Amino acid sequence: RIPAALVKLDAMYVMDEDGVIFKEFTNS
């Protein structure tokens, strides 16, 4: 998956270029 944006919902998530939110964002 190619990360395209971070999405702020109940937490911060990573969204790919297809619009799939695939994981919760961590500083690492």
PDB file of all heavy atoms in Angstrom:
ATOM      1  N   ARG A   1       0.867  -1.182   0.000  1.00  0.00           N
ATOM      2  CA  ARG A   1       0.000   0.000   0.000  1.00  0.00           C
ATOM      3  C   ARG A   1       0.901   1.229   0.000  1.00  0.00           C
ATOM      4  O   ARG A   1       1.898   1.258   0.706  1.00  0.00           O
ATOM      5  CB  ARG A   1      -0.900   0.016   1.220  1.00  0.00           C
ATOM      6  CG  ARG A   1      -1.870  -1.140   1.240  1.00  0.00           C
ATOM      7  CD  ARG A   1      -2.876  -0.995   2.368  1.00  0.00           C
ATOM      8  NE  ARG A   1      -3.733  -2.139   2.426  1.00  0.00           N
ATOM      9  CZ  ARG A   1      -4.788  -2.345   1.632  1.00  0.00           C
ATOM     10  NH1 ARG A   1      -5.085  -1.449   0.728  1.00  0.00           N
ATOM     11  NH2 ARG A   1      -5.525  -3.423   1.754  1.00  0.00           N
ATOM     12  N   ILE A   2       0.527   2.228  -0.774  1.00  0.00           N
ATOM     13  CA  ILE A   2       1.301   3.466  -0.828  1.00  0.00           C
ATOM     14  C   ILE A   2       0.556   4.513  -0.007  1.00  0.00           C
ATOM     15  O   ILE A   2      -0.545   4.930  -0.374  1.00  0.00           O
ATOM     16  CB  ILE A   2       1.496   3.932  -2.277  1.00  0.00           C
ATOM     17  CG1 ILE A   2       2.274   2.862  -3.052  1.00  0.00           C
ATOM     18  CG2 ILE A   2       2.204   5.282  -2.311  1.00  0.00           C
ATOM     19  CD1 ILE A   2       2.369   3.104  -4.529  1.00  0.00           C
ATOM     20  N   PRO A   3       1.109   4.920   1.141  1.00  0.00           N
ATOM     21  CA  PRO A   3       0.444   5.919   1.977  1.00  0.00           C
ATOM     22  C   PRO A   3       0.256   7.231   1.214  1.00  0.00           C
ATOM     23  O   PRO A   3       1.169   7.707   0.544  1.00  0.00           O
ATOM     24  CB  PRO A   3       1.401   6.107   3.153  1.00  0.00           C
ATOM     25  CG  PRO A   3       2.225   4.858   3.183  1.00  0.00           C
ATOM     26  CD  PRO A   3       2.357   4.448   1.741  1.00  0.00           C
ATOM     27  N   ALA A   4      -0.957   7.788   1.319  1.00  0.00           N
ATOM     28  CA  ALA A   4      -1.262   9.034   0.609  1.00  0.00           C
ATOM     29  C   ALA A   4      -1.620  10.168   1.559  1.00  0.00           C
ATOM     30  O   ALA A   4      -1.394  11.330   1.234  1.00  0.00           O
ATOM     31  CB  ALA A   4      -2.410   8.805  -0.372  1.00  0.00           C
ATOM     32  N   ALA A   5      -2.183   9.845   2.708  1.00  0.00           N
ATOM     33  CA  ALA A   5      -2.592  10.880   3.657  1.00  0.00           C
ATOM     34  C   ALA A   5      -2.786  10.251   5.031  1.00  0.00           C
ATOM     35  O   ALA A   5      -2.945   9.032   5.166  1.00  0.00           O
ATOM     36  CB  ALA A   5      -3.894  11.540   3.209  1.00  0.00           C
ATOM     37  N   LEU A   6      -2.767  11.110   6.030  1.00  0.00           N
ATOM     38  CA  LEU A   6      -3.157  10.708   7.382  1.00  0.00           C
ATOM     39  C   LEU A   6      -4.586  11.197   7.570  1.00  0.00           C
ATOM     40  O   LEU A   6      -4.926  12.297   7.140  1.00  0.00           O
ATOM     41  CB  LEU A   6      -2.235  11.342   8.419  1.00  0.00           C
ATOM     42  CG  LEU A   6      -0.753  11.018   8.272  1.00  0.00           C
ATOM     43  CD1 LEU A   6       0.064  11.763   9.317  1.00  0.00           C
ATOM     44  CD2 LEU A   6      -0.517   9.524   8.378  1.00  0.00           C
ATOM     45  N   VAL A   7      -5.432  10.379   8.172  1.00  0.00           N
ATOM     46  CA  VAL A   7      -6.839  10.729   8.344  1.00  0.00           C
ATOM     47  C   VAL A   7      -7.145  10.808   9.826  1.00  0.00           C
ATOM     48  O   VAL A   7      -6.885   9.868  10.581  1.00  0.00           O
ATOM     49  CB  VAL A   7      -7.752   9.685   7.661  1.00  0.00           C
ATOM     50  CG1 VAL A   7      -9.214  10.029   7.880  1.00  0.00           C
ATOM     51  CG2 VAL A   7      -7.446   9.594   6.173  1.00  0.00           C
ATOM     52  N   LYS A   8      -7.704  11.948  10.224  1.00  0.00           N
ATOM     53  CA  LYS A   8      -8.079  12.166  11.630  1.00  0.00           C
ATOM     54  C   LYS A   8      -9.520  11.726  11.820  1.00  0.00           C
ATOM     55  O   LYS A   8     -10.446  12.344  11.314  1.00  0.00           O
ATOM     56  CB  LYS A   8      -7.910  13.649  11.987  1.00  0.00           C
ATOM     57  CG  LYS A   8      -8.312  13.993  13.398  1.00  0.00           C
ATOM     58  CD  LYS A   8      -7.279  13.528  14.379  1.00  0.00           C
ATOM     59  CE  LYS A   8      -7.617  14.005  15.771  1.00  0.00           C
ATOM     60  NZ  LYS A   8      -7.632  12.958  16.739  1.00  0.00           N
ATOM     61  N   LEU A   9      -9.700  10.605  12.506  1.00  0.00           N
ATOM     62  CA  LEU A   9     -11.028  10.135  12.892  1.00  0.00           C
ATOM     63  C   LEU A   9     -11.036  10.115  14.418  1.00  0.00           C
ATOM     64  O   LEU A   9     -10.757  11.141  15.022  1.00  0.00           O
ATOM     65  CB  LEU A   9     -11.314   8.751  12.286  1.00  0.00           C
ATOM     66  CG  LEU A   9     -11.406   8.713  10.754  1.00  0.00           C
ATOM     67  CD1 LEU A   9     -11.386   7.292  10.222  1.00  0.00           C
ATOM     68  CD2 LEU A   9     -12.644   9.436  10.273  1.00  0.00           C
ATOM     69  N   ASP A  10     -11.300   8.981  15.045  1.00  0.00           N
ATOM     70  CA  ASP A  10     -11.196   8.882  16.500  1.00  0.00           C
ATOM     71  C   ASP A  10      -9.734   8.844  16.934  1.00  0.00           C
ATOM     72  O   ASP A  10      -9.390   9.108  18.068  1.00  0.00           O
ATOM     73  CB  ASP A  10     -11.945   7.654  17.012  1.00  0.00           C
ATOM     74  CG  ASP A  10     -11.417   6.357  16.413  1.00  0.00           C
ATOM     75  OD1 ASP A  10     -10.964   6.385  15.251  1.00  0.00           O
ATOM     76  OD2 ASP A  10     -11.466   5.314  17.090  1.00  0.00           O
ATOM     77  N   ALA A  11      -8.862   8.513  16.001  1.00  0.00           N
ATOM     78  CA  ALA A  11      -7.405   8.529  16.169  1.00  0.00           C
ATOM     79  C   ALA A  11      -6.844   8.912  14.802  1.00  0.00           C
ATOM     80  O   ALA A  11      -7.604   9.204  13.876  1.00  0.00           O
ATOM     81  CB  ALA A  11      -6.902   7.154  16.612  1.00  0.00           C
ATOM     82  N   MET A  12      -5.542   8.893  14.658  1.00  0.00           N
ATOM     83  CA  MET A  12      -4.923   9.209  13.368  1.00  0.00           C
ATOM     84  C   MET A  12      -4.650   7.890  12.646  1.00  0.00           C
ATOM     85  O   MET A  12      -4.071   6.966  13.219  1.00  0.00           O
ATOM     86  CB  MET A  12      -3.619   9.972  13.588  1.00  0.00           C
ATOM     87  CG  MET A  12      -3.095  10.642  12.353  1.00  0.00           C
ATOM     88  SD  MET A  12      -4.034  12.081  11.862  1.00  0.00           S
ATOM     89  CE  MET A  12      -3.468  13.269  13.048  1.00  0.00           C
ATOM     90  N   TYR A  13      -5.083   7.819  11.379  1.00  0.00           N
ATOM     91  CA  TYR A  13      -4.927   6.610  10.581  1.00  0.00           C
ATOM     92  C   TYR A  13      -4.188   6.928   9.287  1.00  0.00           C
ATOM     93  O   TYR A  13      -4.156   8.075   8.845  1.00  0.00           O
ATOM     94  CB  TYR A  13      -6.292   5.991  10.241  1.00  0.00           C
ATOM     95  CG  TYR A  13      -7.033   5.502  11.456  1.00  0.00           C
ATOM     96  CD1 TYR A  13      -7.920   6.335  12.132  1.00  0.00           C
ATOM     97  CD2 TYR A  13      -6.829   4.216  11.945  1.00  0.00           C
ATOM     98  CE1 TYR A  13      -8.593   5.891  13.258  1.00  0.00           C
ATOM     99  CE2 TYR A  13      -7.501   3.770  13.069  1.00  0.00           C
ATOM    100  CZ  TYR A  13      -8.383   4.613  13.724  1.00  0.00           C
ATOM    101  OH  TYR A  13      -9.034   4.165  14.837  1.00  0.00           O
ATOM    102  N   VAL A  14      -3.646   5.882   8.666  1.00  0.00           N
ATOM    103  CA  VAL A  14      -2.956   6.027   7.387  1.00  0.00           C
ATOM    104  C   VAL A  14      -3.897   5.539   6.288  1.00  0.00           C
ATOM    105  O   VAL A  14      -4.468   4.453   6.390  1.00  0.00           O
ATOM    106  CB  VAL A  14      -1.638   5.203   7.358  1.00  0.00           C
ATOM    107  CG1 VAL A  14      -0.911   5.407   6.040  1.00  0.00           C
ATOM    108  CG2 VAL A  14      -0.736   5.588   8.531  1.00  0.00           C
ATOM    109  N   MET A  15      -4.056   6.377   5.247  1.00  0.00           N
ATOM    110  CA  MET A  15      -4.895   6.038   4.109  1.00  0.00           C
ATOM    111  C   MET A  15      -4.009   5.870   2.883  1.00  0.00           C
ATOM    112  O   MET A  15      -3.082   6.656   2.673  1.00  0.00           O
ATOM    113  CB  MET A  15      -5.915   7.148   3.851  1.00  0.00           C
ATOM    114  CG  MET A  15      -6.860   6.843   2.695  1.00  0.00           C
ATOM    115  SD  MET A  15      -8.112   8.122   2.464  1.00  0.00           S
ATOM    116  CE  MET A  15      -7.108   9.405   1.726  1.00  0.00           C
ATOM    117  N   ASP A  16      -4.301   4.853   2.082  1.00  0.00           N
ATOM    118  CA  ASP A  16      -3.500   4.649   0.876  1.00  0.00           C
ATOM    119  C   ASP A  16      -4.093   5.400  -0.313  1.00  0.00           C
ATOM    120  O   ASP A  16      -5.135   6.058  -0.189  1.00  0.00           O
ATOM    121  CB  ASP A  16      -3.306   3.154   0.579  1.00  0.00           C
ATOM    122  CG  ASP A  16      -4.538   2.453   0.047  1.00  0.00           C
ATOM    123  OD1 ASP A  16      -5.577   3.094  -0.208  1.00  0.00           O
ATOM    124  OD2 ASP A  16      -4.462   1.220  -0.116  1.00  0.00           O
ATOM    125  N   GLU A  17      -3.424   5.306  -1.449  1.00  0.00           N
ATOM    126  CA  GLU A  17      -3.834   6.051  -2.637  1.00  0.00           C
ATOM    127  C   GLU A  17      -5.157   5.569  -3.224  1.00  0.00           C
ATOM    128  O   GLU A  17      -5.741   6.230  -4.074  1.00  0.00           O
ATOM    129  CB  GLU A  17      -2.733   5.992  -3.697  1.00  0.00           C
ATOM    130  CG  GLU A  17      -2.385   4.596  -4.134  1.00  0.00           C
ATOM    131  CD  GLU A  17      -1.180   4.534  -5.047  1.00  0.00           C
ATOM    132  OE1 GLU A  17      -0.563   5.564  -5.318  1.00  0.00           O
ATOM    133  OE2 GLU A  17      -0.864   3.419  -5.490  1.00  0.00           O
ATOM    134  N   ASP A  18      -5.674   4.426  -2.748  1.00  0.00           N
ATOM    135  CA  ASP A  18      -6.978   3.929  -3.182  1.00  0.00           C
ATOM    136  C   ASP A  18      -8.084   4.328  -2.213  1.00  0.00           C
ATOM    137  O   ASP A  18      -9.230   3.918  -2.381  1.00  0.00           O
ATOM    138  CB  ASP A  18      -6.947   2.398  -3.308  1.00  0.00           C
ATOM    139  CG  ASP A  18      -5.995   1.933  -4.389  1.00  0.00           C
ATOM    140  OD1 ASP A  18      -5.920   2.594  -5.448  1.00  0.00           O
ATOM    141  OD2 ASP A  18      -5.312   0.909  -4.178  1.00  0.00           O
ATOM    142  N   GLY A  19      -7.744   5.070  -1.171  1.00  0.00           N
ATOM    143  CA  GLY A  19      -8.733   5.499  -0.191  1.00  0.00           C
ATOM    144  C   GLY A  19      -8.988   4.502   0.910  1.00  0.00           C
ATOM    145  O   GLY A  19      -9.920   4.653   1.694  1.00  0.00           O
ATOM    146  N   VAL A  20      -8.157   3.484   1.008  1.00  0.00           N
ATOM    147  CA  VAL A  20      -8.308   2.465   2.054  1.00  0.00           C
ATOM    148  C   VAL A  20      -7.528   2.905   3.290  1.00  0.00           C
ATOM    149  O   VAL A  20      -6.330   3.189   3.210  1.00  0.00           O
ATOM    150  CB  VAL A  20      -7.787   1.087   1.570  1.00  0.00           C
ATOM    151  CG1 VAL A  20      -7.827   0.071   2.699  1.00  0.00           C
ATOM    152  CG2 VAL A  20      -8.584   0.613   0.370  1.00  0.00           C
ATOM    153  N   ILE A  21      -8.236   2.991   4.404  1.00  0.00           N
ATOM    154  CA  ILE A  21      -7.573   3.273   5.675  1.00  0.00           C
ATOM    155  C   ILE A  21      -7.104   1.929   6.202  1.00  0.00           C
ATOM    156  O   ILE A  21      -7.912   1.054   6.500  1.00  0.00           O
ATOM    157  CB  ILE A  21      -8.518   3.982   6.651  1.00  0.00           C
ATOM    158  CG1 ILE A  21      -8.834   5.371   6.089  1.00  0.00           C
ATOM    159  CG2 ILE A  21      -7.908   4.055   8.032  1.00  0.00           C
ATOM    160  CD1 ILE A  21      -9.827   6.161   6.878  1.00  0.00           C
ATOM    161  N   PHE A  22      -5.783   1.757   6.262  1.00  0.00           N
ATOM    162  CA  PHE A  22      -5.274   0.414   6.513  1.00  0.00           C
ATOM    163  C   PHE A  22      -4.563   0.223   7.835  1.00  0.00           C
ATOM    164  O   PHE A  22      -4.278  -0.915   8.209  1.00  0.00           O
ATOM    165  CB  PHE A  22      -4.389  -0.056   5.350  1.00  0.00           C
ATOM    166  CG  PHE A  22      -3.143   0.745   5.116  1.00  0.00           C
ATOM    167  CD1 PHE A  22      -1.933   0.352   5.660  1.00  0.00           C
ATOM    168  CD2 PHE A  22      -3.172   1.878   4.326  1.00  0.00           C
ATOM    169  CE1 PHE A  22      -0.776   1.071   5.424  1.00  0.00           C
ATOM    170  CE2 PHE A  22      -2.024   2.600   4.078  1.00  0.00           C
ATOM    171  CZ  PHE A  22      -0.820   2.206   4.636  1.00  0.00           C
ATOM    172  N   LYS A  23      -4.271   1.291   8.554  1.00  0.00           N
ATOM    173  CA  LYS A  23      -3.640   1.088   9.856  1.00  0.00           C
ATOM    174  C   LYS A  23      -3.698   2.362  10.663  1.00  0.00           C
ATOM    175  O   LYS A  23      -3.838   3.456  10.120  1.00  0.00           O
ATOM    176  CB  LYS A  23      -2.194   0.613   9.716  1.00  0.00           C
ATOM    177  CG  LYS A  23      -1.222   1.666   9.199  1.00  0.00           C
ATOM    178  CD  LYS A  23       0.200   1.164   9.048  1.00  0.00           C
ATOM    179  CE  LYS A  23       0.953   0.888  10.254  1.00  0.00           C
ATOM    180  NZ  LYS A  23       1.379   1.869  11.179  1.00  0.00           N
ATOM    181  N   GLU A  24      -3.576   2.210  11.968  1.00  0.00           N
ATOM    182  CA  GLU A  24      -3.476   3.374  12.845  1.00  0.00           C
ATOM    183  C   GLU A  24      -2.058   3.925  12.749  1.00  0.00           C
ATOM    184  O   GLU A  24      -1.084   3.173  12.718  1.00  0.00           O
ATOM    185  CB  GLU A  24      -3.817   2.995  14.284  1.00  0.00           C
ATOM    186  CG  GLU A  24      -3.926   4.198  15.196  1.00  0.00           C
ATOM    187  CD  GLU A  24      -4.534   3.883  16.546  1.00  0.00           C
ATOM    188  OE1 GLU A  24      -5.177   2.820  16.709  1.00  0.00           O
ATOM    189  OE2 GLU A  24      -4.368   4.716  17.454  1.00  0.00           O
ATOM    190  N   PHE A  25      -1.951   5.232  12.683  1.00  0.00           N
ATOM    191  CA  PHE A  25      -0.660   5.899  12.565  1.00  0.00           C
ATOM    192  C   PHE A  25       0.083   5.845  13.891  1.00  0.00           C
ATOM    193  O   PHE A  25      -0.493   6.029  14.955  1.00  0.00           O
ATOM    194  CB  PHE A  25      -0.865   7.358  12.148  1.00  0.00           C
ATOM    195  CG  PHE A  25       0.389   8.183  12.157  1.00  0.00           C
ATOM    196  CD1 PHE A  25       1.327   8.041  11.149  1.00  0.00           C
ATOM    197  CD2 PHE A  25       0.643   9.083  13.179  1.00  0.00           C
ATOM    198  CE1 PHE A  25       2.495   8.789  11.153  1.00  0.00           C
ATOM    199  CE2 PHE A  25       1.804   9.838  13.191  1.00  0.00           C
ATOM    200  CZ  PHE A  25       2.734   9.683  12.180  1.00  0.00           C
ATOM    201  N   THR A  26       1.380   5.571  13.815  1.00  0.00           N
ATOM    202  CA  THR A  26       2.257   5.670  14.980  1.00  0.00           C
ATOM    203  C   THR A  26       3.457   6.528  14.580  1.00  0.00           C
ATOM    204  O   THR A  26       3.777   6.650  13.389  1.00  0.00           O
ATOM    205  CB  THR A  26       2.768   4.293  15.446  1.00  0.00           C
ATOM    206  OG1 THR A  26       3.569   3.719  14.411  1.00  0.00           O
ATOM    207  CG2 THR A  26       1.624   3.363  15.795  1.00  0.00           C
ATOM    208  N   ASN A  27       4.120   7.115  15.555  1.00  0.00           N
ATOM    209  CA  ASN A  27       5.293   7.945  15.263  1.00  0.00           C
ATOM    210  C   ASN A  27       6.381   7.166  14.544  1.00  0.00           C
ATOM    211  O   ASN A  27       7.134   7.721  13.756  1.00  0.00           O
ATOM    212  CB  ASN A  27       5.846   8.574  16.539  1.00  0.00           C
ATOM    213  CG  ASN A  27       4.936   9.653  17.070  1.00  0.00           C
ATOM    214  OD1 ASN A  27       4.159  10.239  16.329  1.00  0.00           O
ATOM    215  ND2 ASN A  27       5.002   9.904  18.362  1.00  0.00           N
ATOM    216  N   SER A  28       6.458   5.872  14.782  1.00  0.00           N
ATOM    217  CA  SER A  28       7.486   5.060  14.130  1.00  0.00           C
ATOM    218  C   SER A  28       7.220   4.889  12.632  1.00  0.00           C
ATOM    219  O   SER A  28       8.101   4.452  11.899  1.00  0.00           O
ATOM    220  CB  SER A  28       7.611   3.698  14.810  1.00  0.00           C
ATOM    221  OG  SER A  28       6.412   2.969  14.659  1.00  0.00           O
TER     222      SER A  28
END
